[in-house]
């Protein structure tokens, strides 16, 4: 198999696995649910090691916003 084809296959596989990972907001919501059920976990304070940065929130918002906008347009078109 040519090297270019192998590289293309690896890229495609990487995109598929990356697309299946939950996003920042999904992870936050899941942790809040666990905490509400008494897991003993706590949220990290802003600036702590491992806490989401403002850039991470901006990036997540830009990924989420287009999907919400498209959903609103679809819902408006159905009315």
PDB file of N, CA and C in Angstrom:
ATOM      1  N   UNK A   1       0.855  -1.178   0.000  1.00  0.00           N
ATOM      2  CA  UNK A   1       0.000   0.000   0.000  1.00  0.00           C
ATOM      3  C   UNK A   1       0.896   1.236   0.000  1.00  0.00           C
ATOM      4  N   UNK A   2       0.600   2.195  -0.858  1.00  0.00           N
ATOM      5  CA  UNK A   2       1.417   3.415  -0.920  1.00  0.00           C
ATOM      6  C   UNK A   2       1.356   4.195   0.392  1.00  0.00           C
ATOM      7  N   UNK A   3       2.441   4.888   0.674  1.00  0.00           N
ATOM      8  CA  UNK A   3       2.538   5.646   1.917  1.00  0.00           C
ATOM      9  C   UNK A   3       1.475   6.746   1.996  1.00  0.00           C
ATOM     10  N   UNK A   4       1.167   7.367   0.867  1.00  0.00           N
ATOM     11  CA  UNK A   4       0.164   8.440   0.856  1.00  0.00           C
ATOM     12  C   UNK A   4      -1.213   7.900   1.237  1.00  0.00           C
ATOM     13  N   UNK A   5      -1.518   6.698   0.760  1.00  0.00           N
ATOM     14  CA  UNK A   5      -2.817   6.110   1.074  1.00  0.00           C
ATOM     15  C   UNK A   5      -2.901   5.747   2.557  1.00  0.00           C
ATOM     16  N   UNK A   6      -1.789   5.237   3.118  1.00  0.00           N
ATOM     17  CA  UNK A   6      -1.755   4.906   4.538  1.00  0.00           C
ATOM     18  C   UNK A   6      -1.966   6.157   5.385  1.00  0.00           C
ATOM     19  N   UNK A   7      -1.319   7.244   5.004  1.00  0.00           N
ATOM     20  CA  UNK A   7      -1.451   8.498   5.743  1.00  0.00           C
ATOM     21  C   UNK A   7      -2.888   9.013   5.681  1.00  0.00           C
ATOM     22  N   UNK A   8      -3.516   8.888   4.531  1.00  0.00           N
ATOM     23  CA  UNK A   8      -4.895   9.336   4.378  1.00  0.00           C
ATOM     24  C   UNK A   8      -5.835   8.497   5.238  1.00  0.00           C
ATOM     25  N   UNK A   9      -5.574   7.202   5.317  1.00  0.00           N
ATOM     26  CA  UNK A   9      -6.410   6.313   6.130  1.00  0.00           C
ATOM     27  C   UNK A   9      -6.260   6.641   7.614  1.00  0.00           C
ATOM     28  N   UNK A  10      -5.032   6.960   8.043  1.00  0.00           N
ATOM     29  CA  UNK A  10      -4.806   7.321   9.444  1.00  0.00           C
ATOM     30  C   UNK A  10      -5.545   8.605   9.791  1.00  0.00           C
ATOM     31  N   UNK A  11      -5.526   9.581   8.878  1.00  0.00           N
ATOM     32  CA  UNK A  11      -6.216  10.851   9.104  1.00  0.00           C
ATOM     33  C   UNK A  11      -7.715  10.620   9.254  1.00  0.00           C
ATOM     34  N   UNK A  12      -8.271   9.792   8.387  1.00  0.00           N
ATOM     35  CA  UNK A  12      -9.702   9.504   8.432  1.00  0.00           C
ATOM     36  C   UNK A  12     -10.066   8.819   9.742  1.00  0.00           C
ATOM     37  N   UNK A  13      -9.254   7.863  10.171  1.00  0.00           N
ATOM     38  CA  UNK A  13      -9.519   7.155  11.422  1.00  0.00           C
ATOM     39  C   UNK A  13      -9.420   8.109  12.606  1.00  0.00           C
ATOM     40  N   UNK A  14      -8.459   9.021  12.587  1.00  0.00           N
ATOM     41  CA  UNK A  14      -8.293   9.983  13.671  1.00  0.00           C
ATOM     42  C   UNK A  14      -9.497  10.919  13.750  1.00  0.00           C
ATOM     43  N   UNK A  15     -10.026  11.337  12.603  1.00  0.00           N
ATOM     44  CA  UNK A  15     -11.194  12.216  12.586  1.00  0.00           C
ATOM     45  C   UNK A  15     -12.409  11.511  13.157  1.00  0.00           C
ATOM     46  N   UNK A  16     -12.581  10.221  12.844  1.00  0.00           N
ATOM     47  CA  UNK A  16     -13.737   9.475  13.338  1.00  0.00           C
ATOM     48  C   UNK A  16     -13.693   9.341  14.851  1.00  0.00           C
ATOM     49  N   UNK A  17     -12.517   9.057  15.418  1.00  0.00           N
ATOM     50  CA  UNK A  17     -12.431   8.904  16.867  1.00  0.00           C
ATOM     51  C   UNK A  17     -12.564  10.252  17.557  1.00  0.00           C
ATOM     52  N   UNK A  18     -12.052  11.308  16.957  1.00  0.00           N
ATOM     53  CA  UNK A  18     -12.149  12.635  17.556  1.00  0.00           C
ATOM     54  C   UNK A  18     -13.593  13.123  17.567  1.00  0.00           C
ATOM     55  N   UNK A  19     -14.350  12.759  16.562  1.00  0.00           N
ATOM     56  CA  UNK A  19     -15.733  13.214  16.470  1.00  0.00           C
ATOM     57  C   UNK A  19     -16.622  12.541  17.522  1.00  0.00           C
ATOM     58  N   UNK A  20     -16.234  11.393  18.008  1.00  0.00           N
ATOM     59  CA  UNK A  20     -17.050  10.656  18.957  1.00  0.00           C
ATOM     60  C   UNK A  20     -16.836  11.122  20.393  1.00  0.00           C
ATOM     61  N   UNK A  21     -15.777  11.874  20.670  1.00  0.00           N
ATOM     62  CA  UNK A  21     -15.503  12.315  22.030  1.00  0.00           C
ATOM     63  C   UNK A  21     -16.505  13.381  22.445  1.00  0.00           C
ATOM     64  N   UNK A  22     -16.976  13.331  23.694  1.00  0.00           N
ATOM     65  CA  UNK A  22     -17.888  14.382  24.147  1.00  0.00           C
ATOM     66  C   UNK A  22     -17.137  15.710  24.290  1.00  0.00           C
ATOM     67  N   UNK A  23     -17.850  16.787  24.163  1.00  0.00           N
ATOM     68  CA  UNK A  23     -17.246  18.104  24.244  1.00  0.00           C
ATOM     69  C   UNK A  23     -17.106  18.604  25.665  1.00  0.00           C
ATOM     70  N   UNK A  24     -16.580  19.804  25.798  1.00  0.00           N
ATOM     71  CA  UNK A  24     -16.338  20.432  27.098  1.00  0.00           C
ATOM     72  C   UNK A  24     -17.628  20.564  27.901  1.00  0.00           C
ATOM     73  N   UNK A  25     -18.683  21.074  27.259  1.00  0.00           N
ATOM     74  CA  UNK A  25     -19.934  21.276  27.984  1.00  0.00           C
ATOM     75  C   UNK A  25     -20.553  19.948  28.402  1.00  0.00           C
ATOM     76  N   UNK A  26     -20.422  18.927  27.580  1.00  0.00           N
ATOM     77  CA  UNK A  26     -20.944  17.603  27.943  1.00  0.00           C
ATOM     78  C   UNK A  26     -20.190  17.041  29.141  1.00  0.00           C
ATOM     79  N   UNK A  27     -18.883  17.244  29.175  1.00  0.00           N
ATOM     80  CA  UNK A  27     -18.082  16.772  30.304  1.00  0.00           C
ATOM     81  C   UNK A  27     -18.459  17.512  31.591  1.00  0.00           C
ATOM     82  N   UNK A  28     -18.677  18.818  31.496  1.00  0.00           N
ATOM     83  CA  UNK A  28     -19.057  19.606  32.667  1.00  0.00           C
ATOM     84  C   UNK A  28     -20.417  19.146  33.178  1.00  0.00           C
ATOM     85  N   UNK A  29     -21.365  18.951  32.265  1.00  0.00           N
ATOM     86  CA  UNK A  29     -22.697  18.511  32.661  1.00  0.00           C
ATOM     87  C   UNK A  29     -22.640  17.135  33.328  1.00  0.00           C
ATOM     88  N   UNK A  30     -21.847  16.223  32.764  1.00  0.00           N
ATOM     89  CA  UNK A  30     -21.734  14.883  33.340  1.00  0.00           C
ATOM     90  C   UNK A  30     -21.148  14.941  34.751  1.00  0.00           C
ATOM     91  N   UNK A  31     -20.158  15.802  34.957  1.00  0.00           N
ATOM     92  CA  UNK A  31     -19.562  15.923  36.285  1.00  0.00           C
ATOM     93  C   UNK A  31     -20.559  16.516  37.272  1.00  0.00           C
ATOM     94  N   UNK A  32     -21.328  17.498  36.839  1.00  0.00           N
ATOM     95  CA  UNK A  32     -22.346  18.088  37.716  1.00  0.00           C
ATOM     96  C   UNK A  32     -23.384  17.044  38.114  1.00  0.00           C
ATOM     97  N   UNK A  33     -23.752  16.178  37.190  1.00  0.00           N
ATOM     98  CA  UNK A  33     -24.699  15.108  37.492  1.00  0.00           C
ATOM     99  C   UNK A  33     -24.116  14.149  38.531  1.00  0.00           C
ATOM    100  N   UNK A  34     -22.842  13.769  38.342  1.00  0.00           N
ATOM    101  CA  UNK A  34     -22.192  12.865  39.305  1.00  0.00           C
ATOM    102  C   UNK A  34     -22.120  13.516  40.677  1.00  0.00           C
ATOM    103  N   UNK A  35     -21.793  14.818  40.716  1.00  0.00           N
ATOM    104  CA  UNK A  35     -21.682  15.531  41.983  1.00  0.00           C
ATOM    105  C   UNK A  35     -23.050  15.602  42.677  1.00  0.00           C
ATOM    106  N   UNK A  36     -24.106  15.798  41.900  1.00  0.00           N
ATOM    107  CA  UNK A  36     -25.441  15.883  42.462  1.00  0.00           C
ATOM    108  C   UNK A  36     -25.866  14.558  43.110  1.00  0.00           C
ATOM    109  N   UNK A  37     -25.290  13.479  42.631  1.00  0.00           N
ATOM    110  CA  UNK A  37     -25.618  12.164  43.177  1.00  0.00           C
ATOM    111  C   UNK A  37     -24.612  11.716  44.235  1.00  0.00           C
ATOM    112  N   UNK A  38     -23.799  12.640  44.729  1.00  0.00           N
ATOM    113  CA  UNK A  38     -22.916  12.360  45.861  1.00  0.00           C
ATOM    114  C   UNK A  38     -21.607  11.685  45.540  1.00  0.00           C
ATOM    115  N   UNK A  39     -20.987  12.016  44.412  1.00  0.00           N
ATOM    116  CA  UNK A  39     -19.722  11.370  44.051  1.00  0.00           C
ATOM    117  C   UNK A  39     -18.544  11.862  44.892  1.00  0.00           C
ATOM    118  N   UNK A  40     -18.686  13.014  45.526  1.00  0.00           N
ATOM    119  CA  UNK A  40     -17.587  13.563  46.322  1.00  0.00           C
ATOM    120  C   UNK A  40     -16.599  14.375  45.496  1.00  0.00           C
ATOM    121  N   UNK A  41     -16.837  14.483  44.196  1.00  0.00           N
ATOM    122  CA  UNK A  41     -15.968  15.283  43.330  1.00  0.00           C
ATOM    123  C   UNK A  41     -16.280  16.756  43.541  1.00  0.00           C
ATOM    124  N   UNK A  42     -15.388  17.602  43.057  1.00  0.00           N
ATOM    125  CA  UNK A  42     -15.647  19.038  43.073  1.00  0.00           C
ATOM    126  C   UNK A  42     -15.077  19.650  41.805  1.00  0.00           C
ATOM    127  N   UNK A  43     -15.632  20.796  41.430  1.00  0.00           N
ATOM    128  CA  UNK A  43     -15.154  21.487  40.236  1.00  0.00           C
ATOM    129  C   UNK A  43     -13.859  22.218  40.573  1.00  0.00           C
ATOM    130  N   UNK A  44     -12.958  22.278  39.615  1.00  0.00           N
ATOM    131  CA  UNK A  44     -11.714  23.014  39.815  1.00  0.00           C
ATOM    132  C   UNK A  44     -11.992  24.510  39.737  1.00  0.00           C
ATOM    133  N   UNK A  45     -11.232  25.256  40.487  1.00  0.00           N
ATOM    134  CA  UNK A  45     -11.350  26.712  40.460  1.00  0.00           C
ATOM    135  C   UNK A  45     -10.661  27.245  39.193  1.00  0.00           C
ATOM    136  N   UNK A  46     -11.141  28.373  38.661  1.00  0.00           N
ATOM    137  CA  UNK A  46     -10.457  28.957  37.504  1.00  0.00           C
ATOM    138  C   UNK A  46      -8.987  29.226  37.829  1.00  0.00           C
ATOM    139  N   UNK A  47      -8.126  28.837  36.933  1.00  0.00           N
ATOM    140  CA  UNK A  47      -6.691  29.033  37.129  1.00  0.00           C
ATOM    141  C   UNK A  47      -5.983  27.817  37.705  1.00  0.00           C
ATOM    142  N   UNK A  48      -6.740  26.866  38.284  1.00  0.00           N
ATOM    143  CA  UNK A  48      -6.126  25.645  38.799  1.00  0.00           C
ATOM    144  C   UNK A  48      -5.597  24.802  37.643  1.00  0.00           C
ATOM    145  N   UNK A  49      -4.607  23.972  37.956  1.00  0.00           N
ATOM    146  CA  UNK A  49      -4.076  23.065  36.946  1.00  0.00           C
ATOM    147  C   UNK A  49      -5.174  22.091  36.535  1.00  0.00           C
ATOM    148  N   UNK A  50      -5.401  21.965  35.242  1.00  0.00           N
ATOM    149  CA  UNK A  50      -6.415  21.059  34.732  1.00  0.00           C
ATOM    150  C   UNK A  50      -7.779  21.686  34.545  1.00  0.00           C
ATOM    151  N   UNK A  51      -7.969  22.903  35.008  1.00  0.00           N
ATOM    152  CA  UNK A  51      -9.252  23.589  34.820  1.00  0.00           C
ATOM    153  C   UNK A  51      -9.324  24.118  33.386  1.00  0.00           C
ATOM    154  N   UNK A  52     -10.514  24.162  32.797  1.00  0.00           N
ATOM    155  CA  UNK A  52     -10.627  24.694  31.438  1.00  0.00           C
ATOM    156  C   UNK A  52     -10.209  26.163  31.378  1.00  0.00           C
ATOM    157  N   UNK A  53      -9.513  26.510  30.343  1.00  0.00           N
ATOM    158  CA  UNK A  53      -9.065  27.890  30.151  1.00  0.00           C
ATOM    159  C   UNK A  53     -10.166  28.680  29.435  1.00  0.00           C
ATOM    160  N   UNK A  54     -10.091  30.000  29.482  1.00  0.00           N
ATOM    161  CA  UNK A  54     -11.060  30.796  28.713  1.00  0.00           C
ATOM    162  C   UNK A  54     -11.029  30.454  27.222  1.00  0.00           C
ATOM    163  N   UNK A  55      -9.848  30.105  26.712  1.00  0.00           N
ATOM    164  CA  UNK A  55      -9.730  29.728  25.301  1.00  0.00           C
ATOM    165  C   UNK A  55     -10.501  28.441  25.019  1.00  0.00           C
ATOM    166  N   UNK A  56     -10.475  27.498  25.970  1.00  0.00           N
ATOM    167  CA  UNK A  56     -11.205  26.244  25.795  1.00  0.00           C
ATOM    168  C   UNK A  56     -12.703  26.502  25.736  1.00  0.00           C
ATOM    169  N   UNK A  57     -13.194  27.425  26.563  1.00  0.00           N
ATOM    170  CA  UNK A  57     -14.619  27.762  26.534  1.00  0.00           C
ATOM    171  C   UNK A  57     -14.983  28.442  25.220  1.00  0.00           C
ATOM    172  N   UNK A  58     -14.120  29.329  24.728  1.00  0.00           N
ATOM    173  CA  UNK A  58     -14.381  29.995  23.450  1.00  0.00           C
ATOM    174  C   UNK A  58     -14.442  28.979  22.318  1.00  0.00           C
ATOM    175  N   UNK A  59     -13.492  28.047  22.318  1.00  0.00           N
ATOM    176  CA  UNK A  59     -13.436  27.027  21.276  1.00  0.00           C
ATOM    177  C   UNK A  59     -14.687  26.158  21.322  1.00  0.00           C
ATOM    178  N   UNK A  60     -15.111  25.770  22.524  1.00  0.00           N
ATOM    179  CA  UNK A  60     -16.311  24.942  22.673  1.00  0.00           C
ATOM    180  C   UNK A  60     -17.552  25.700  22.238  1.00  0.00           C
ATOM    181  N   UNK A  61     -17.618  26.979  22.548  1.00  0.00           N
ATOM    182  CA  UNK A  61     -18.773  27.790  22.173  1.00  0.00           C
ATOM    183  C   UNK A  61     -18.877  27.917  20.656  1.00  0.00           C
ATOM    184  N   UNK A  62     -17.750  28.045  19.979  1.00  0.00           N
ATOM    185  CA  UNK A  62     -17.766  28.169  18.522  1.00  0.00           C
ATOM    186  C   UNK A  62     -18.177  26.854  17.865  1.00  0.00           C
ATOM    187  N   UNK A  63     -17.870  25.735  18.508  1.00  0.00           N
ATOM    188  CA  UNK A  63     -18.284  24.446  17.962  1.00  0.00           C
ATOM    189  C   UNK A  63     -19.769  24.218  18.205  1.00  0.00           C
ATOM    190  N   UNK A  64     -20.281  24.682  19.338  1.00  0.00           N
ATOM    191  CA  UNK A  64     -21.668  24.446  19.717  1.00  0.00           C
ATOM    192  C   UNK A  64     -22.615  25.414  19.020  1.00  0.00           C
ATOM    193  N   UNK A  65     -22.226  26.660  18.891  1.00  0.00           N
ATOM    194  CA  UNK A  65     -23.109  27.700  18.361  1.00  0.00           C
ATOM    195  C   UNK A  65     -23.626  27.399  16.956  1.00  0.00           C
ATOM    196  N   UNK A  66     -22.797  26.983  15.999  1.00  0.00           N
ATOM    197  CA  UNK A  66     -23.345  26.710  14.658  1.00  0.00           C
ATOM    198  C   UNK A  66     -24.398  25.610  14.679  1.00  0.00           C
ATOM    199  N   UNK A  67     -24.230  24.604  15.513  1.00  0.00           N
ATOM    200  CA  UNK A  67     -25.207  23.519  15.577  1.00  0.00           C
ATOM    201  C   UNK A  67     -26.529  24.029  16.141  1.00  0.00           C
ATOM    202  N   UNK A  68     -26.474  24.867  17.157  1.00  0.00           N
ATOM    203  CA  UNK A  68     -27.695  25.415  17.744  1.00  0.00           C
ATOM    204  C   UNK A  68     -28.399  26.329  16.748  1.00  0.00           C
ATOM    205  N   UNK A  69     -27.614  27.121  16.007  1.00  0.00           N
ATOM    206  CA  UNK A  69     -28.187  28.037  15.034  1.00  0.00           C
ATOM    207  C   UNK A  69     -28.906  27.250  13.939  1.00  0.00           C
ATOM    208  N   UNK A  70     -28.317  26.166  13.477  1.00  0.00           N
ATOM    209  CA  UNK A  70     -28.933  25.336  12.448  1.00  0.00           C
ATOM    210  C   UNK A  70     -30.207  24.688  12.979  1.00  0.00           C
ATOM    211  N   UNK A  71     -30.202  24.275  14.229  1.00  0.00           N
ATOM    212  CA  UNK A  71     -31.388  23.660  14.835  1.00  0.00           C
ATOM    213  C   UNK A  71     -32.527  24.672  14.930  1.00  0.00           C
ATOM    214  N   UNK A  72     -32.193  25.915  15.271  1.00  0.00           N
ATOM    215  CA  UNK A  72     -33.224  26.946  15.359  1.00  0.00           C
ATOM    216  C   UNK A  72     -33.842  27.205  13.976  1.00  0.00           C
ATOM    217  N   UNK A  73     -32.985  27.235  12.946  1.00  0.00           N
ATOM    218  CA  UNK A  73     -33.484  27.472  11.592  1.00  0.00           C
ATOM    219  C   UNK A  73     -34.406  26.332  11.173  1.00  0.00           C
ATOM    220  N   UNK A  74     -34.037  25.102  11.484  1.00  0.00           N
ATOM    221  CA  UNK A  74     -34.855  23.941  11.141  1.00  0.00           C
ATOM    222  C   UNK A  74     -36.191  23.993  11.850  1.00  0.00           C
ATOM    223  N   UNK A  75     -36.171  24.346  13.146  1.00  0.00           N
ATOM    224  CA  UNK A  75     -37.399  24.425  13.921  1.00  0.00           C
ATOM    225  C   UNK A  75     -38.296  25.543  13.399  1.00  0.00           C
ATOM    226  N   UNK A  76     -37.719  26.660  13.001  1.00  0.00           N
ATOM    227  CA  UNK A  76     -38.492  27.777  12.465  1.00  0.00           C
ATOM    228  C   UNK A  76     -39.110  27.419  11.117  1.00  0.00           C
ATOM    229  N   UNK A  77     -38.415  26.632  10.328  1.00  0.00           N
ATOM    230  CA  UNK A  77     -38.914  26.247   9.020  1.00  0.00           C
ATOM    231  C   UNK A  77     -40.086  25.281   9.142  1.00  0.00           C
ATOM    232  N   UNK A  78     -40.118  24.488  10.203  1.00  0.00           N
ATOM    233  CA  UNK A  78     -41.194  23.524  10.411  1.00  0.00           C
ATOM    234  C   UNK A  78     -42.494  24.199  10.829  1.00  0.00           C
ATOM    235  N   UNK A  79     -42.408  25.398  11.421  1.00  0.00           N
ATOM    236  CA  UNK A  79     -43.610  26.087  11.917  1.00  0.00           C
ATOM    237  C   UNK A  79     -44.416  26.667  10.815  1.00  0.00           C
TER     238      UNK A  79
END
